[in-house]
N, C-alpha and C. Protein backbone atom coordinates (compact mmCIF):
# COMPACT_ATOMS: atom_id res chain seq x y z
N MET A 1 0.86 -1.38 -0.26
CA MET A 1 -0.13 0.50 -0.21
C MET A 1 0.73 1.29 -0.06
N GLU A 2 0.90 2.22 -0.45
CA GLU A 2 1.49 3.30 -1.00
C GLU A 2 1.09 4.67 -0.19
N ARG A 3 1.27 4.61 0.75
CA ARG A 3 1.05 5.81 1.43
C ARG A 3 1.01 7.36 0.40
N THR A 4 0.62 8.07 0.20
CA THR A 4 0.70 9.45 -0.39
C THR A 4 0.62 10.66 0.25
N LYS A 5 -0.59 10.67 1.98
CA LYS A 5 -0.16 11.67 2.29
C LYS A 5 0.66 12.59 3.49
N VAL A 6 0.91 13.73 3.98
CA VAL A 6 1.92 14.41 3.99
C VAL A 6 1.24 14.06 6.28
N HIS A 7 2.87 13.50 5.89
CA HIS A 7 2.86 12.70 7.86
C HIS A 7 2.82 14.10 8.62
N ASP A 8 2.32 14.17 9.88
CA ASP A 8 2.66 14.48 10.99
C ASP A 8 4.56 14.99 11.22
N PRO A 9 4.62 16.30 11.42
CA PRO A 9 6.08 16.09 11.35
C PRO A 9 6.32 15.22 12.71
N ALA A 10 7.92 14.67 12.58
CA ALA A 10 8.55 13.99 13.66
C ALA A 10 10.05 14.18 14.29
N ASP A 11 10.23 14.43 14.75
CA ASP A 11 12.06 14.45 14.86
C ASP A 11 12.36 13.50 15.01
N ALA A 12 13.66 14.02 14.26
CA ALA A 12 14.90 13.40 13.67
C ALA A 12 16.06 13.46 13.75
N SER A 13 17.29 12.70 13.70
CA SER A 13 18.37 13.20 14.25
C SER A 13 19.05 11.51 13.49
N TYR A 14 20.41 12.17 13.22
CA TYR A 14 21.62 11.19 12.43
C TYR A 14 22.32 10.93 12.63
N THR A 15 23.74 9.94 12.43
CA THR A 15 25.28 9.74 13.27
C THR A 15 25.23 9.28 11.71
N LEU A 16 26.88 9.78 11.52
CA LEU A 16 27.61 9.50 10.52
C LEU A 16 28.61 7.52 11.33
N PHE A 17 28.94 6.59 11.14
CA PHE A 17 30.13 6.34 11.35
C PHE A 17 30.31 5.09 10.33
N ARG A 18 31.67 4.50 10.60
CA ARG A 18 32.55 3.47 9.62
C ARG A 18 31.82 2.08 10.15
N ALA A 19 31.37 1.16 9.71
CA ALA A 19 30.91 -0.19 10.00
C ALA A 19 32.82 -0.85 10.22
N GLU A 20 32.38 -1.92 10.58
CA GLU A 20 33.65 -3.07 11.18
C GLU A 20 34.41 -2.70 9.75
N ASP A 21 34.14 -2.78 8.21
CA ASP A 21 34.74 -3.32 6.77
C ASP A 21 35.11 -1.57 6.48
N GLY A 22 35.06 -0.24 7.84
CA GLY A 22 35.13 1.13 6.85
C GLY A 22 34.18 1.39 6.08
N GLU A 23 33.47 0.75 5.87
CA GLU A 23 32.36 1.79 5.00
C GLU A 23 31.22 2.45 5.64
N LEU A 24 31.49 3.86 5.48
CA LEU A 24 30.84 5.43 6.08
C LEU A 24 29.47 4.75 6.03
N ILE A 25 28.57 4.85 7.22
CA ILE A 25 27.08 5.06 7.13
C ILE A 25 26.45 6.21 7.64
N LEU A 26 25.44 6.48 7.05
CA LEU A 26 24.68 7.43 7.14
C LEU A 26 23.52 6.73 7.90
N GLN A 27 23.04 6.93 9.17
CA GLN A 27 21.86 6.67 9.83
C GLN A 27 21.29 7.76 10.46
N ILE A 28 19.65 7.26 9.92
CA ILE A 28 18.65 8.88 10.43
C ILE A 28 17.52 7.93 11.39
N ASP A 29 17.58 8.71 12.18
CA ASP A 29 16.60 8.06 13.19
C ASP A 29 15.46 8.56 13.74
N THR A 30 14.46 8.06 13.70
CA THR A 30 13.00 9.38 13.67
C THR A 30 12.39 8.75 14.92
N TYR A 31 11.64 9.66 15.60
CA TYR A 31 10.88 9.26 16.39
C TYR A 31 9.80 9.64 16.94
N GLY A 32 8.44 8.95 17.65
CA GLY A 32 7.16 9.02 17.87
C GLY A 32 7.11 10.91 18.01
N SER A 33 5.96 11.17 16.87
CA SER A 33 5.23 12.87 16.71
C SER A 33 4.39 12.51 18.76
N GLY A 34 3.61 13.33 18.67
CA GLY A 34 3.17 14.05 19.75
C GLY A 34 2.37 12.94 19.61
N SER A 35 1.14 12.66 18.31
CA SER A 35 0.37 11.94 18.11
C SER A 35 0.21 10.64 18.48
N ARG A 36 1.51 9.63 18.28
CA ARG A 36 1.54 8.78 18.60
C ARG A 36 1.48 8.15 19.92
N GLY A 37 1.56 6.57 20.39
CA GLY A 37 1.22 6.09 21.50
C GLY A 37 2.52 5.98 22.52
N GLN A 38 3.81 6.44 22.25
CA GLN A 38 5.08 6.91 22.71
C GLN A 38 5.50 8.02 21.94
N PRO A 39 5.34 9.00 22.38
CA PRO A 39 5.79 10.14 21.97
C PRO A 39 7.49 9.98 22.29
N GLY A 40 8.73 10.12 21.37
CA GLY A 40 9.80 10.67 22.14
C GLY A 40 10.14 9.43 21.58
N LYS A 41 9.64 8.16 21.26
CA LYS A 41 10.37 7.00 21.98
C LYS A 41 11.12 6.44 20.43
N LYS A 42 11.80 5.98 19.62
CA LYS A 42 12.97 5.48 18.44
C LYS A 42 11.21 4.89 17.71
N SER A 43 11.11 5.17 16.56
CA SER A 43 10.17 4.94 15.97
C SER A 43 10.68 3.84 14.62
N GLN A 44 11.91 4.27 14.08
CA GLN A 44 12.67 3.98 12.55
C GLN A 44 13.70 4.42 12.20
N THR A 45 15.04 3.59 12.09
CA THR A 45 15.65 3.50 11.52
C THR A 45 16.32 3.34 10.24
N ILE A 46 16.94 4.02 9.46
CA ILE A 46 17.27 3.94 8.47
C ILE A 46 18.83 3.72 8.06
N GLN A 47 18.98 2.98 7.47
CA GLN A 47 20.94 3.43 7.18
C GLN A 47 21.72 3.04 5.95
N PHE A 48 22.35 4.33 5.64
CA PHE A 48 22.76 4.30 4.16
C PHE A 48 24.54 3.57 3.57
N GLY A 49 24.32 2.53 2.89
CA GLY A 49 26.33 3.09 3.16
C GLY A 49 26.17 3.48 1.77
N HIS A 50 27.57 3.18 0.82
CA HIS A 50 28.03 4.27 0.04
C HIS A 50 27.06 3.97 -1.12
N ASP A 51 26.05 2.18 -2.06
CA ASP A 51 25.42 2.86 -2.43
C ASP A 51 24.79 3.11 -2.19
N GLY A 52 23.96 2.84 -0.97
CA GLY A 52 22.75 3.90 -0.88
C GLY A 52 22.75 5.50 -0.68
N LEU A 53 23.65 5.67 -0.16
CA LEU A 53 23.98 7.62 -0.61
C LEU A 53 24.15 7.60 -2.30
N GLU A 54 24.88 6.83 -2.87
CA GLU A 54 24.94 7.68 -4.38
C GLU A 54 23.40 7.42 -4.69
N GLN A 55 22.60 6.42 -4.76
CA GLN A 55 20.88 6.52 -4.91
C GLN A 55 20.25 7.95 -4.00
N LEU A 56 20.84 8.13 -2.67
CA LEU A 56 20.28 9.18 -3.02
C LEU A 56 20.04 10.44 -3.01
N LYS A 57 21.50 10.38 -3.30
CA LYS A 57 22.29 12.14 -3.96
C LYS A 57 21.45 12.13 -5.42
N GLY A 58 21.41 11.00 -6.14
CA GLY A 58 21.39 10.96 -7.97
C GLY A 58 19.13 10.89 -7.72
N ILE A 59 18.38 10.97 -6.29
CA ILE A 59 16.99 11.02 -5.73
C ILE A 59 17.38 12.57 -5.89
N LEU A 60 17.70 12.73 -4.92
CA LEU A 60 17.73 14.94 -4.81
C LEU A 60 17.64 15.38 -5.67
N LYS A 61 19.35 14.83 -6.71
CA LYS A 61 19.57 15.27 -7.75
C LYS A 61 18.34 16.16 -8.40
N ASN A 62 17.81 14.96 -8.51
CA ASN A 62 16.43 14.49 -9.92
C ASN A 62 15.26 15.99 -8.91
N ILE A 63 15.35 15.73 -8.00
CA ILE A 63 14.21 16.92 -7.19
C ILE A 63 14.81 18.22 -7.57
N ARG A 64 16.39 18.34 -7.68
CA ARG A 64 16.12 20.20 -7.44
C ARG A 64 15.58 20.70 -9.13
N GLU A 65 16.07 19.42 -10.70
CA GLU A 65 16.30 19.74 -11.08
C GLU A 65 14.95 19.99 -11.75
N GLU A 66 13.98 19.42 -11.07
CA GLU A 66 12.89 19.30 -11.50
C GLU A 66 12.06 21.12 -11.79
């Protein structure tokens, strides 16, 4: 199921770290919004390695060009 509505704002943080193999990882954590059952609790974590970051850069570049 695809969601196409705008979600309520939520807090987020990011961390850059190196995996055991030395690859740089971008980790984005989101936290429950005030309307959730446990506001402020970490709800999702997304990690991007080299390939994922390259794909993300391409997506952002395409958005900027539209």
